[in-house]
Amino acid sequence: MTTLKSKLQDDLTTAIRARDELRSSTLRLTLTAVQKEEVAGTEARALSDAEVEKIIAREAKKRREAAEAFDQGGRAEQADRERAEGEVLAAYLPKPLTDEELENLVAEAIAEAKAGGAEGPKAMGAVMKIVNPKIAGRAEGGRVAATVKKLLAG
């Protein structure tokens, strides 16, 4: 079992003992998503910490999107709960990149792509291939793509 998954299970046990309903239900749903991923496909397998981290990031994104939807629907109480669940999950994710850190990483990737012969807006794919592994879960794809476009254009 991965260390991140076992940490989630230990924290779930602690939350249940402390009668922390929000934390325990959030961790239960996340562990269920991890277990579903483990048995998906033709053969059951153990997930690496990086794969578990991706699942947690996906669950956190779902919470953000749900909170926005509830806000638009006028259900502030439900939106607040979704945000609170997102904060619980954020504790298990790496610290997000600041705009400055993201721009620096993208600038390095653009320089690397130019060295490989890719230039201008057509270099977007090459730059994304270089920068995505370096960012790995610390920034959303849309934010990364926007920064790459901005730096390639200017």
N, C-alpha and C. Protein backbone atom coordinates (compact mmCIF):
# COMPACT_ATOMS: atom_id res chain seq x y z
N MET A 1 0.84 -1.18 0.00
CA MET A 1 0.00 0.00 0.00
C MET A 1 0.89 1.25 0.00
N THR A 2 0.47 2.27 -0.72
CA THR A 2 1.27 3.48 -0.79
C THR A 2 1.19 4.25 0.52
N THR A 3 2.16 5.10 0.73
CA THR A 3 2.18 5.87 1.98
C THR A 3 1.07 6.91 2.00
N LEU A 4 0.74 7.49 0.85
CA LEU A 4 -0.32 8.50 0.81
C LEU A 4 -1.68 7.86 1.09
N LYS A 5 -1.91 6.69 0.51
CA LYS A 5 -3.18 6.00 0.76
C LYS A 5 -3.29 5.60 2.23
N SER A 6 -2.21 5.10 2.80
CA SER A 6 -2.27 4.71 4.22
C SER A 6 -2.46 5.93 5.11
N LYS A 7 -1.89 7.07 4.71
CA LYS A 7 -2.10 8.32 5.47
C LYS A 7 -3.57 8.72 5.42
N LEU A 8 -4.19 8.59 4.24
CA LEU A 8 -5.61 8.89 4.11
C LEU A 8 -6.44 7.98 5.03
N GLN A 9 -6.09 6.68 5.06
CA GLN A 9 -6.84 5.75 5.90
C GLN A 9 -6.63 6.05 7.39
N ASP A 10 -5.40 6.38 7.78
CA ASP A 10 -5.13 6.73 9.18
C ASP A 10 -5.88 7.99 9.58
N ASP A 11 -5.89 8.99 8.68
CA ASP A 11 -6.60 10.23 8.97
C ASP A 11 -8.10 10.00 9.02
N LEU A 12 -8.61 9.08 8.21
CA LEU A 12 -10.03 8.74 8.26
C LEU A 12 -10.38 8.14 9.62
N THR A 13 -9.55 7.23 10.09
CA THR A 13 -9.79 6.61 11.40
C THR A 13 -9.79 7.68 12.49
N THR A 14 -8.84 8.59 12.43
CA THR A 14 -8.75 9.67 13.41
C THR A 14 -9.98 10.56 13.34
N ALA A 15 -10.43 10.89 12.14
CA ALA A 15 -11.60 11.76 11.96
C ALA A 15 -12.87 11.08 12.49
N ILE A 16 -12.98 9.77 12.27
CA ILE A 16 -14.15 9.04 12.76
C ILE A 16 -14.16 9.04 14.29
N ARG A 17 -13.00 8.79 14.87
CA ARG A 17 -12.91 8.79 16.35
C ARG A 17 -13.21 10.16 16.93
N ALA A 18 -12.81 11.22 16.21
CA ALA A 18 -13.05 12.59 16.68
C ALA A 18 -14.47 13.07 16.32
N ARG A 19 -15.23 12.21 15.64
CA ARG A 19 -16.59 12.53 15.20
C ARG A 19 -16.61 13.78 14.30
N ASP A 20 -15.58 13.90 13.46
CA ASP A 20 -15.48 14.99 12.50
C ASP A 20 -16.17 14.54 11.21
N GLU A 21 -17.46 14.87 11.09
CA GLU A 21 -18.28 14.37 9.99
C GLU A 21 -17.78 14.85 8.64
N LEU A 22 -17.43 16.13 8.52
CA LEU A 22 -16.97 16.68 7.25
C LEU A 22 -15.72 15.97 6.76
N ARG A 23 -14.73 15.88 7.64
CA ARG A 23 -13.45 15.26 7.27
C ARG A 23 -13.62 13.77 6.96
N SER A 24 -14.39 13.07 7.79
CA SER A 24 -14.54 11.63 7.58
C SER A 24 -15.30 11.33 6.29
N SER A 25 -16.35 12.10 5.98
CA SER A 25 -17.08 11.82 4.74
C SER A 25 -16.23 12.17 3.52
N THR A 26 -15.46 13.24 3.60
CA THR A 26 -14.58 13.63 2.48
C THR A 26 -13.52 12.56 2.24
N LEU A 27 -12.89 12.08 3.31
CA LEU A 27 -11.85 11.07 3.17
C LEU A 27 -12.43 9.74 2.69
N ARG A 28 -13.63 9.41 3.14
CA ARG A 28 -14.29 8.18 2.67
C ARG A 28 -14.51 8.22 1.16
N LEU A 29 -15.05 9.35 0.69
CA LEU A 29 -15.30 9.48 -0.75
C LEU A 29 -13.99 9.40 -1.54
N THR A 30 -12.95 10.01 -1.03
CA THR A 30 -11.66 10.01 -1.72
C THR A 30 -11.06 8.61 -1.74
N LEU A 31 -11.12 7.90 -0.62
CA LEU A 31 -10.61 6.53 -0.58
C LEU A 31 -11.42 5.61 -1.50
N THR A 32 -12.71 5.87 -1.60
CA THR A 32 -13.53 5.09 -2.52
C THR A 32 -13.08 5.32 -3.96
N ALA A 33 -12.77 6.58 -4.30
CA ALA A 33 -12.28 6.89 -5.66
C ALA A 33 -10.95 6.20 -5.92
N VAL A 34 -10.10 6.14 -4.90
CA VAL A 34 -8.79 5.47 -5.03
C VAL A 34 -9.02 3.97 -5.26
N GLN A 35 -9.90 3.37 -4.46
CA GLN A 35 -10.16 1.94 -4.59
C GLN A 35 -10.80 1.60 -5.93
N LYS A 36 -11.68 2.47 -6.43
CA LYS A 36 -12.28 2.24 -7.75
C LYS A 36 -11.20 2.24 -8.83
N GLU A 37 -10.26 3.16 -8.72
CA GLU A 37 -9.17 3.24 -9.70
C GLU A 37 -8.28 2.00 -9.62
N GLU A 38 -8.09 1.48 -8.41
CA GLU A 38 -7.25 0.30 -8.24
C GLU A 38 -7.83 -0.93 -8.94
N VAL A 39 -9.14 -1.04 -8.96
CA VAL A 39 -9.76 -2.23 -9.55
C VAL A 39 -10.26 -1.97 -10.98
N ALA A 40 -10.05 -0.76 -11.48
CA ALA A 40 -10.46 -0.45 -12.86
C ALA A 40 -9.54 -1.19 -13.83
N GLY A 41 -10.07 -1.52 -14.97
CA GLY A 41 -9.26 -2.22 -15.96
C GLY A 41 -9.41 -3.71 -15.83
N THR A 42 -8.47 -4.43 -16.42
CA THR A 42 -8.58 -5.89 -16.45
C THR A 42 -8.00 -6.55 -15.22
N GLU A 43 -7.13 -5.84 -14.50
CA GLU A 43 -6.46 -6.46 -13.36
C GLU A 43 -6.33 -5.46 -12.21
N ALA A 44 -6.60 -5.89 -10.99
CA ALA A 44 -6.46 -5.02 -9.83
C ALA A 44 -4.97 -4.75 -9.60
N ARG A 45 -4.68 -3.53 -9.16
CA ARG A 45 -3.28 -3.17 -8.94
C ARG A 45 -3.19 -2.13 -7.83
N ALA A 46 -2.01 -2.01 -7.25
CA ALA A 46 -1.77 -0.99 -6.23
C ALA A 46 -1.33 0.28 -6.94
N LEU A 47 -1.83 1.42 -6.49
CA LEU A 47 -1.49 2.69 -7.11
C LEU A 47 -0.26 3.31 -6.44
N SER A 48 0.50 4.04 -7.21
CA SER A 48 1.65 4.76 -6.65
C SER A 48 1.14 6.04 -5.97
N ASP A 49 2.02 6.67 -5.19
CA ASP A 49 1.65 7.92 -4.53
C ASP A 49 1.27 8.98 -5.56
N ALA A 50 1.97 9.02 -6.69
CA ALA A 50 1.67 10.01 -7.73
C ALA A 50 0.26 9.79 -8.29
N GLU A 51 -0.12 8.54 -8.47
CA GLU A 51 -1.46 8.24 -8.99
C GLU A 51 -2.53 8.60 -7.95
N VAL A 52 -2.27 8.32 -6.68
CA VAL A 52 -3.21 8.68 -5.62
C VAL A 52 -3.34 10.20 -5.54
N GLU A 53 -2.22 10.89 -5.71
CA GLU A 53 -2.22 12.35 -5.69
C GLU A 53 -3.09 12.91 -6.82
N LYS A 54 -3.01 12.30 -8.00
CA LYS A 54 -3.83 12.73 -9.14
C LYS A 54 -5.31 12.56 -8.83
N ILE A 55 -5.65 11.47 -8.16
CA ILE A 55 -7.04 11.21 -7.80
C ILE A 55 -7.52 12.26 -6.80
N ILE A 56 -6.68 12.58 -5.83
CA ILE A 56 -7.04 13.60 -4.84
C ILE A 56 -7.23 14.95 -5.54
N ALA A 57 -6.34 15.27 -6.48
CA ALA A 57 -6.47 16.53 -7.23
C ALA A 57 -7.77 16.56 -8.03
N ARG A 58 -8.12 15.42 -8.63
CA ARG A 58 -9.36 15.33 -9.41
C ARG A 58 -10.56 15.53 -8.49
N GLU A 59 -10.53 14.92 -7.30
CA GLU A 59 -11.63 15.08 -6.35
C GLU A 59 -11.73 16.53 -5.87
N ALA A 60 -10.59 17.17 -5.64
CA ALA A 60 -10.58 18.58 -5.20
C ALA A 60 -11.17 19.47 -6.30
N LYS A 61 -10.84 19.17 -7.54
CA LYS A 61 -11.37 19.95 -8.67
C LYS A 61 -12.88 19.79 -8.74
N LYS A 62 -13.37 18.58 -8.50
CA LYS A 62 -14.82 18.34 -8.50
C LYS A 62 -15.48 19.22 -7.44
N ARG A 63 -14.84 19.33 -6.27
CA ARG A 63 -15.41 20.15 -5.19
C ARG A 63 -15.46 21.62 -5.60
N ARG A 64 -14.39 22.12 -6.23
CA ARG A 64 -14.38 23.53 -6.68
C ARG A 64 -15.50 23.78 -7.69
N GLU A 65 -15.63 22.88 -8.66
CA GLU A 65 -16.66 23.05 -9.69
C GLU A 65 -18.06 22.97 -9.09
N ALA A 66 -18.26 22.06 -8.14
CA ALA A 66 -19.56 21.92 -7.49
C ALA A 66 -19.89 23.18 -6.69
N ALA A 67 -18.89 23.74 -6.02
CA ALA A 67 -19.10 24.96 -5.23
C ALA A 67 -19.53 26.11 -6.14
N GLU A 68 -18.89 26.22 -7.30
CA GLU A 68 -19.29 27.27 -8.26
C GLU A 68 -20.72 27.05 -8.73
N ALA A 69 -21.06 25.80 -9.03
CA ALA A 69 -22.41 25.49 -9.50
C ALA A 69 -23.46 25.81 -8.42
N PHE A 70 -23.15 25.47 -7.17
CA PHE A 70 -24.09 25.76 -6.09
C PHE A 70 -24.22 27.27 -5.87
N ASP A 71 -23.11 28.00 -6.01
CA ASP A 71 -23.18 29.46 -5.89
C ASP A 71 -24.09 30.04 -6.96
N GLN A 72 -23.95 29.56 -8.19
CA GLN A 72 -24.77 30.06 -9.29
C GLN A 72 -26.24 29.68 -9.09
N GLY A 73 -26.46 28.57 -8.42
CA GLY A 73 -27.83 28.12 -8.16
C GLY A 73 -28.44 28.73 -6.92
N GLY A 74 -27.68 29.57 -6.22
CA GLY A 74 -28.20 30.23 -5.03
C GLY A 74 -28.23 29.34 -3.79
N ARG A 75 -27.39 28.32 -3.76
CA ARG A 75 -27.35 27.43 -2.60
C ARG A 75 -26.02 27.61 -1.87
N ALA A 76 -25.90 28.72 -1.17
CA ALA A 76 -24.65 29.10 -0.52
C ALA A 76 -24.19 28.09 0.53
N GLU A 77 -25.13 27.52 1.27
CA GLU A 77 -24.77 26.57 2.32
C GLU A 77 -24.09 25.33 1.74
N GLN A 78 -24.63 24.82 0.65
CA GLN A 78 -24.05 23.65 -0.01
C GLN A 78 -22.70 24.01 -0.64
N ALA A 79 -22.59 25.22 -1.19
CA ALA A 79 -21.33 25.68 -1.78
C ALA A 79 -20.25 25.77 -0.71
N ASP A 80 -20.62 26.25 0.48
CA ASP A 80 -19.64 26.33 1.57
C ASP A 80 -19.15 24.95 1.98
N ARG A 81 -20.04 23.99 2.00
CA ARG A 81 -19.63 22.62 2.35
C ARG A 81 -18.66 22.07 1.31
N GLU A 82 -18.95 22.29 0.03
CA GLU A 82 -18.05 21.81 -1.03
C GLU A 82 -16.67 22.47 -0.89
N ARG A 83 -16.64 23.76 -0.58
CA ARG A 83 -15.35 24.44 -0.39
C ARG A 83 -14.60 23.87 0.81
N ALA A 84 -15.32 23.58 1.88
CA ALA A 84 -14.69 23.00 3.07
C ALA A 84 -14.11 21.62 2.75
N GLU A 85 -14.82 20.83 1.96
CA GLU A 85 -14.31 19.51 1.55
C GLU A 85 -13.06 19.70 0.69
N GLY A 86 -13.07 20.70 -0.18
CA GLY A 86 -11.90 21.00 -1.01
C GLY A 86 -10.69 21.37 -0.17
N GLU A 87 -10.92 22.10 0.92
CA GLU A 87 -9.81 22.47 1.81
C GLU A 87 -9.23 21.24 2.51
N VAL A 88 -10.09 20.29 2.88
CA VAL A 88 -9.62 19.05 3.50
C VAL A 88 -8.69 18.32 2.52
N LEU A 89 -9.11 18.24 1.26
CA LEU A 89 -8.32 17.54 0.25
C LEU A 89 -7.03 18.30 -0.09
N ALA A 90 -7.09 19.62 -0.04
CA ALA A 90 -5.91 20.44 -0.37
C ALA A 90 -4.74 20.14 0.56
N ALA A 91 -5.03 19.69 1.76
CA ALA A 91 -3.96 19.37 2.72
C ALA A 91 -3.11 18.19 2.24
N TYR A 92 -3.64 17.37 1.35
CA TYR A 92 -2.92 16.19 0.86
C TYR A 92 -2.21 16.45 -0.48
N LEU A 93 -2.39 17.64 -1.02
CA LEU A 93 -1.79 17.96 -2.31
C LEU A 93 -0.55 18.84 -2.12
N PRO A 94 0.36 18.80 -3.09
CA PRO A 94 1.53 19.69 -2.99
C PRO A 94 1.09 21.15 -3.09
N LYS A 95 1.92 22.02 -2.53
CA LYS A 95 1.61 23.45 -2.54
C LYS A 95 1.51 23.93 -3.99
N PRO A 96 0.41 24.64 -4.34
CA PRO A 96 0.27 25.11 -5.72
C PRO A 96 1.34 26.15 -6.07
N LEU A 97 1.68 26.20 -7.35
CA LEU A 97 2.66 27.16 -7.82
C LEU A 97 2.08 28.56 -7.84
N THR A 98 2.90 29.55 -7.50
CA THR A 98 2.48 30.94 -7.65
C THR A 98 2.57 31.29 -9.13
N ASP A 99 1.98 32.41 -9.51
CA ASP A 99 2.04 32.84 -10.92
C ASP A 99 3.48 33.04 -11.37
N GLU A 100 4.30 33.60 -10.47
CA GLU A 100 5.71 33.86 -10.81
C GLU A 100 6.47 32.55 -11.02
N GLU A 101 6.27 31.58 -10.11
CA GLU A 101 6.95 30.28 -10.24
C GLU A 101 6.52 29.58 -11.54
N LEU A 102 5.22 29.66 -11.84
CA LEU A 102 4.71 29.03 -13.05
C LEU A 102 5.32 29.68 -14.29
N GLU A 103 5.39 31.00 -14.31
CA GLU A 103 5.98 31.70 -15.46
C GLU A 103 7.45 31.33 -15.64
N ASN A 104 8.18 31.19 -14.53
CA ASN A 104 9.59 30.81 -14.62
C ASN A 104 9.75 29.41 -15.23
N LEU A 105 8.94 28.46 -14.76
CA LEU A 105 9.00 27.10 -15.31
C LEU A 105 8.63 27.07 -16.79
N VAL A 106 7.61 27.83 -17.16
CA VAL A 106 7.19 27.87 -18.56
C VAL A 106 8.27 28.53 -19.41
N ALA A 107 8.88 29.60 -18.91
CA ALA A 107 9.95 30.27 -19.66
C ALA A 107 11.12 29.32 -19.91
N GLU A 108 11.47 28.52 -18.91
CA GLU A 108 12.55 27.52 -19.08
C GLU A 108 12.16 26.49 -20.14
N ALA A 109 10.90 26.06 -20.12
CA ALA A 109 10.43 25.07 -21.08
C ALA A 109 10.42 25.65 -22.50
N ILE A 110 10.07 26.93 -22.63
CA ILE A 110 10.07 27.57 -23.94
C ILE A 110 11.50 27.65 -24.48
N ALA A 111 12.44 28.00 -23.60
CA ALA A 111 13.85 28.06 -24.01
C ALA A 111 14.33 26.67 -24.46
N GLU A 112 13.92 25.64 -23.72
CA GLU A 112 14.29 24.27 -24.07
C GLU A 112 13.68 23.85 -25.42
N ALA A 113 12.42 24.25 -25.65
CA ALA A 113 11.75 23.92 -26.91
C ALA A 113 12.40 24.66 -28.08
N LYS A 114 12.80 25.91 -27.85
CA LYS A 114 13.47 26.68 -28.91
C LYS A 114 14.81 26.04 -29.27
N ALA A 115 15.48 25.51 -28.26
CA ALA A 115 16.74 24.81 -28.51
C ALA A 115 16.49 23.57 -29.36
N GLY A 116 15.32 22.99 -29.25
CA GLY A 116 14.95 21.82 -30.04
C GLY A 116 14.37 22.18 -31.40
N GLY A 117 14.27 23.47 -31.69
CA GLY A 117 13.81 23.91 -33.01
C GLY A 117 12.36 24.36 -33.07
N ALA A 118 11.61 24.31 -31.99
CA ALA A 118 10.20 24.73 -32.00
C ALA A 118 10.11 26.20 -31.61
N GLU A 119 9.39 26.99 -32.43
CA GLU A 119 9.24 28.42 -32.14
C GLU A 119 7.84 28.89 -32.45
N GLY A 120 7.48 30.04 -31.85
CA GLY A 120 6.18 30.66 -32.11
C GLY A 120 5.02 29.88 -31.50
N PRO A 121 3.80 30.29 -31.86
CA PRO A 121 2.61 29.64 -31.30
C PRO A 121 2.50 28.15 -31.63
N LYS A 122 3.16 27.72 -32.69
CA LYS A 122 3.11 26.30 -33.06
C LYS A 122 3.90 25.43 -32.09
N ALA A 123 4.71 26.06 -31.25
CA ALA A 123 5.53 25.32 -30.29
C ALA A 123 4.74 24.94 -29.03
N MET A 124 3.47 25.28 -28.98
CA MET A 124 2.64 25.04 -27.79
C MET A 124 2.72 23.58 -27.32
N GLY A 125 2.54 22.64 -28.24
CA GLY A 125 2.56 21.22 -27.86
C GLY A 125 3.90 20.79 -27.31
N ALA A 126 4.97 21.24 -27.94
CA ALA A 126 6.31 20.87 -27.47
C ALA A 126 6.59 21.44 -26.09
N VAL A 127 6.16 22.68 -25.86
CA VAL A 127 6.38 23.33 -24.56
C VAL A 127 5.55 22.61 -23.49
N MET A 128 4.30 22.27 -23.81
CA MET A 128 3.44 21.59 -22.83
C MET A 128 4.02 20.23 -22.45
N LYS A 129 4.60 19.51 -23.42
CA LYS A 129 5.22 18.21 -23.12
C LYS A 129 6.38 18.37 -22.15
N ILE A 130 7.12 19.45 -22.29
CA ILE A 130 8.28 19.69 -21.42
C ILE A 130 7.84 20.15 -20.04
N VAL A 131 6.86 21.05 -19.99
CA VAL A 131 6.50 21.69 -18.72
C VAL A 131 5.58 20.82 -17.84
N ASN A 132 4.72 20.00 -18.43
CA ASN A 132 3.76 19.22 -17.63
C ASN A 132 4.41 18.32 -16.58
N PRO A 133 5.46 17.56 -16.91
CA PRO A 133 6.06 16.72 -15.86
C PRO A 133 6.68 17.55 -14.72
N LYS A 134 7.15 18.74 -15.01
CA LYS A 134 7.76 19.59 -13.98
C LYS A 134 6.71 20.17 -13.04
N ILE A 135 5.51 20.36 -13.56
CA ILE A 135 4.45 20.98 -12.77
C ILE A 135 3.66 19.94 -11.99
N ALA A 136 3.40 18.81 -12.59
CA ALA A 136 2.76 17.63 -11.99
C ALA A 136 1.87 17.91 -10.79
N GLY A 137 0.66 18.37 -11.05
CA GLY A 137 -0.33 18.52 -9.99
C GLY A 137 -0.23 19.79 -9.17
N ARG A 138 0.72 20.66 -9.48
CA ARG A 138 0.85 21.88 -8.70
C ARG A 138 0.19 23.08 -9.38
N ALA A 139 -0.38 22.87 -10.58
CA ALA A 139 -1.13 23.92 -11.28
C ALA A 139 -2.10 23.23 -12.24
N GLU A 140 -3.26 23.85 -12.42
CA GLU A 140 -4.27 23.29 -13.32
C GLU A 140 -3.83 23.45 -14.77
N GLY A 141 -4.24 22.51 -15.59
CA GLY A 141 -3.86 22.50 -17.00
C GLY A 141 -4.25 23.76 -17.74
N GLY A 142 -5.43 24.28 -17.49
CA GLY A 142 -5.89 25.49 -18.16
C GLY A 142 -5.02 26.69 -17.83
N ARG A 143 -4.63 26.78 -16.57
CA ARG A 143 -3.76 27.87 -16.13
C ARG A 143 -2.39 27.76 -16.79
N VAL A 144 -1.87 26.54 -16.89
CA VAL A 144 -0.57 26.30 -17.53
C VAL A 144 -0.64 26.68 -19.00
N ALA A 145 -1.69 26.21 -19.69
CA ALA A 145 -1.85 26.49 -21.12
C ALA A 145 -1.95 27.99 -21.37
N ALA A 146 -2.69 28.70 -20.52
CA ALA A 146 -2.83 30.15 -20.69
C ALA A 146 -1.48 30.85 -20.53
N THR A 147 -0.69 30.40 -19.57
CA THR A 147 0.63 30.99 -19.35
C THR A 147 1.55 30.70 -20.53
N VAL A 148 1.51 29.47 -21.06
CA VAL A 148 2.33 29.11 -22.22
C VAL A 148 1.95 29.98 -23.42
N LYS A 149 0.63 30.13 -23.68
CA LYS A 149 0.17 30.97 -24.80
C LYS A 149 0.66 32.40 -24.65
N LYS A 150 0.53 32.92 -23.41
CA LYS A 150 0.91 34.31 -23.15
C LYS A 150 2.41 34.51 -23.42
N LEU A 151 3.23 33.60 -22.92
CA LEU A 151 4.68 33.75 -23.10
C LEU A 151 5.13 33.46 -24.53
N LEU A 152 4.45 32.57 -25.23
CA LEU A 152 4.79 32.31 -26.64
C LEU A 152 4.42 33.50 -27.52
N ALA A 153 3.30 34.15 -27.20
CA ALA A 153 2.84 35.28 -27.99
C ALA A 153 3.68 36.52 -27.74
N GLY A 154 4.11 36.69 -26.50
CA GLY A 154 4.81 37.93 -26.15
C GLY A 154 6.23 37.69 -25.91
